[in-house]
């Protein structure tokens, strides 16, 4: 396996996750993913190491430039609107007042 493969794989995954924040529904997200995948596939056969590194740098720059300012957070995850809402009391408190 070439040395750039894990880096390209991580870049693709990060781009997919970032595109999720820009889509209102999963079908729209799927369209974004297909466009991103097409861009990666178009450069799949590049063998020149300098060109590969330049493409990776461009992808990382795109990722930084297009970072979503208001990412979607699942409501029950940390940072979400329902995180730790109605948390059950700890056992110490329950046993103390029993």
C-alpha atoms as a PDB file:
ATOM      1  CA  UNK A   1       0.000   0.000   0.000  1.00  0.00           C
ATOM      2  CA  UNK A   2       1.349   3.421  -0.932  1.00  0.00           C
ATOM      3  CA  UNK A   3       2.171   5.869   1.847  1.00  0.00           C
ATOM      4  CA  UNK A   4      -0.505   8.343   0.757  1.00  0.00           C
ATOM      5  CA  UNK A   5      -3.432   5.896   0.859  1.00  0.00           C
ATOM      6  CA  UNK A   6      -4.285   6.270   4.587  1.00  0.00           C
ATOM      7  CA  UNK A   7      -4.030  10.050   4.299  1.00  0.00           C
ATOM      8  CA  UNK A   8      -6.368  10.110   1.289  1.00  0.00           C
ATOM      9  CA  UNK A   9      -8.789   7.782   3.077  1.00  0.00           C
ATOM     10  CA  UNK A  10      -8.893  10.032   6.156  1.00  0.00           C
ATOM     11  CA  UNK A  11      -9.327  13.112   3.972  1.00  0.00           C
ATOM     12  CA  UNK A  12     -12.280  11.496   2.216  1.00  0.00           C
ATOM     13  CA  UNK A  13     -13.899  10.545   5.532  1.00  0.00           C
ATOM     14  CA  UNK A  14     -13.413  14.049   6.946  1.00  0.00           C
ATOM     15  CA  UNK A  15     -14.907  15.615   3.827  1.00  0.00           C
ATOM     16  CA  UNK A  16     -17.923  13.280   4.023  1.00  0.00           C
ATOM     17  CA  UNK A  17     -18.480  14.188   7.666  1.00  0.00           C
ATOM     18  CA  UNK A  18     -18.111  17.894   6.916  1.00  0.00           C
ATOM     19  CA  UNK A  19     -20.590  17.692   4.035  1.00  0.00           C
ATOM     20  CA  UNK A  20     -23.122  16.206   6.472  1.00  0.00           C
ATOM     21  CA  UNK A  21     -23.320  19.579   8.236  1.00  0.00           C
ATOM     22  CA  UNK A  22     -24.345  21.321   5.011  1.00  0.00           C
ATOM     23  CA  UNK A  23     -27.239  19.015   4.151  1.00  0.00           C
ATOM     24  CA  UNK A  24     -30.756  19.176   5.515  1.00  0.00           C
ATOM     25  CA  UNK A  25     -31.628  15.581   4.620  1.00  0.00           C
ATOM     26  CA  UNK A  26     -29.825  12.335   3.917  1.00  0.00           C
ATOM     27  CA  UNK A  27     -30.697  12.347   0.184  1.00  0.00           C
ATOM     28  CA  UNK A  28     -29.074  15.768  -0.184  1.00  0.00           C
ATOM     29  CA  UNK A  29     -26.060  14.529   1.772  1.00  0.00           C
ATOM     30  CA  UNK A  30     -25.898  11.535  -0.569  1.00  0.00           C
ATOM     31  CA  UNK A  31     -25.708  13.874  -3.563  1.00  0.00           C
ATOM     32  CA  UNK A  32     -22.860  15.806  -1.926  1.00  0.00           C
ATOM     33  CA  UNK A  33     -21.060  12.535  -1.207  1.00  0.00           C
ATOM     34  CA  UNK A  34     -21.439  11.400  -4.821  1.00  0.00           C
ATOM     35  CA  UNK A  35     -19.903  14.657  -6.058  1.00  0.00           C
ATOM     36  CA  UNK A  36     -16.989  14.322  -3.633  1.00  0.00           C
ATOM     37  CA  UNK A  37     -16.500  10.675  -4.590  1.00  0.00           C
ATOM     38  CA  UNK A  38     -16.426  11.611  -8.287  1.00  0.00           C
ATOM     39  CA  UNK A  39     -13.650  14.122  -7.598  1.00  0.00           C
ATOM     40  CA  UNK A  40     -11.623  11.477  -5.753  1.00  0.00           C
ATOM     41  CA  UNK A  41     -12.238   8.884  -8.464  1.00  0.00           C
ATOM     42  CA  UNK A  42     -11.157  11.332 -11.192  1.00  0.00           C
ATOM     43  CA  UNK A  43      -7.689  11.407  -9.607  1.00  0.00           C
ATOM     44  CA  UNK A  44      -7.486   7.727  -8.701  1.00  0.00           C
ATOM     45  CA  UNK A  45      -4.924   6.825 -11.388  1.00  0.00           C
ATOM     46  CA  UNK A  46      -2.470   9.622 -10.607  1.00  0.00           C
ATOM     47  CA  UNK A  47       0.948   8.082  -9.924  1.00  0.00           C
ATOM     48  CA  UNK A  48       3.207  11.126  -9.708  1.00  0.00           C
ATOM     49  CA  UNK A  49       3.996  11.560  -5.995  1.00  0.00           C
ATOM     50  CA  UNK A  50       4.313  15.360  -6.259  1.00  0.00           C
ATOM     51  CA  UNK A  51       0.895  15.590  -7.961  1.00  0.00           C
ATOM     52  CA  UNK A  52      -0.628  13.319  -5.304  1.00  0.00           C
ATOM     53  CA  UNK A  53       0.755  15.475  -2.494  1.00  0.00           C
ATOM     54  CA  UNK A  54      -0.552  18.616  -4.237  1.00  0.00           C
ATOM     55  CA  UNK A  55      -4.027  17.063  -4.548  1.00  0.00           C
ATOM     56  CA  UNK A  56      -4.006  16.096  -0.875  1.00  0.00           C
ATOM     57  CA  UNK A  57      -2.955  19.629   0.119  1.00  0.00           C
ATOM     58  CA  UNK A  58      -5.766  21.055  -2.039  1.00  0.00           C
ATOM     59  CA  UNK A  59      -8.271  18.729  -0.370  1.00  0.00           C
ATOM     60  CA  UNK A  60      -7.076  19.672   3.116  1.00  0.00           C
ATOM     61  CA  UNK A  61      -7.240  23.358   2.195  1.00  0.00           C
ATOM     62  CA  UNK A  62     -10.801  22.891   0.890  1.00  0.00           C
ATOM     63  CA  UNK A  63     -11.717  21.191   4.156  1.00  0.00           C
ATOM     64  CA  UNK A  64     -10.349  24.093   6.223  1.00  0.00           C
ATOM     65  CA  UNK A  65     -11.912  26.765   4.003  1.00  0.00           C
ATOM     66  CA  UNK A  66     -15.349  25.096   4.015  1.00  0.00           C
ATOM     67  CA  UNK A  67     -15.579  24.257   7.702  1.00  0.00           C
ATOM     68  CA  UNK A  68     -19.188  24.618   8.790  1.00  0.00           C
ATOM     69  CA  UNK A  69     -19.727  27.361  11.355  1.00  0.00           C
ATOM     70  CA  UNK A  70     -22.830  25.690  12.745  1.00  0.00           C
ATOM     71  CA  UNK A  71     -22.320  21.915  12.593  1.00  0.00           C
ATOM     72  CA  UNK A  72     -25.193  19.530  13.257  1.00  0.00           C
ATOM     73  CA  UNK A  73     -24.989  17.947  16.692  1.00  0.00           C
ATOM     74  CA  UNK A  74     -27.259  15.063  17.653  1.00  0.00           C
ATOM     75  CA  UNK A  75     -29.478  16.454  20.452  1.00  0.00           C
ATOM     76  CA  UNK A  76     -28.545  13.739  22.960  1.00  0.00           C
ATOM     77  CA  UNK A  77     -24.778  14.000  22.325  1.00  0.00           C
ATOM     78  CA  UNK A  78     -22.489  16.351  24.283  1.00  0.00           C
ATOM     79  CA  UNK A  79     -23.164  19.870  23.056  1.00  0.00           C
ATOM     80  CA  UNK A  80     -26.675  18.927  21.934  1.00  0.00           C
ATOM     81  CA  UNK A  81     -29.835  20.575  23.232  1.00  0.00           C
ATOM     82  CA  UNK A  82     -31.005  17.495  25.152  1.00  0.00           C
ATOM     83  CA  UNK A  83     -27.645  16.392  26.540  1.00  0.00           C
ATOM     84  CA  UNK A  84     -28.018  15.451  30.218  1.00  0.00           C
ATOM     85  CA  UNK A  85     -31.572  16.717  30.363  1.00  0.00           C
ATOM     86  CA  UNK A  86     -33.473  14.946  33.142  1.00  0.00           C
ATOM     87  CA  UNK A  87     -30.418  13.053  34.285  1.00  0.00           C
ATOM     88  CA  UNK A  88     -31.289  10.389  36.850  1.00  0.00           C
ATOM     89  CA  UNK A  89     -29.894  11.204  40.300  1.00  0.00           C
ATOM     90  CA  UNK A  90     -26.724   9.468  41.404  1.00  0.00           C
ATOM     91  CA  UNK A  91     -27.007   6.407  43.626  1.00  0.00           C
ATOM     92  CA  UNK A  92     -25.376   8.308  46.519  1.00  0.00           C
ATOM     93  CA  UNK A  93     -28.225  10.781  46.624  1.00  0.00           C
ATOM     94  CA  UNK A  94     -30.907   8.095  46.256  1.00  0.00           C
ATOM     95  CA  UNK A  95     -29.426   5.961  49.059  1.00  0.00           C
ATOM     96  CA  UNK A  96     -28.913   9.002  51.307  1.00  0.00           C
ATOM     97  CA  UNK A  97     -32.594  10.002  51.123  1.00  0.00           C
ATOM     98  CA  UNK A  98     -34.094   6.496  51.309  1.00  0.00           C
END
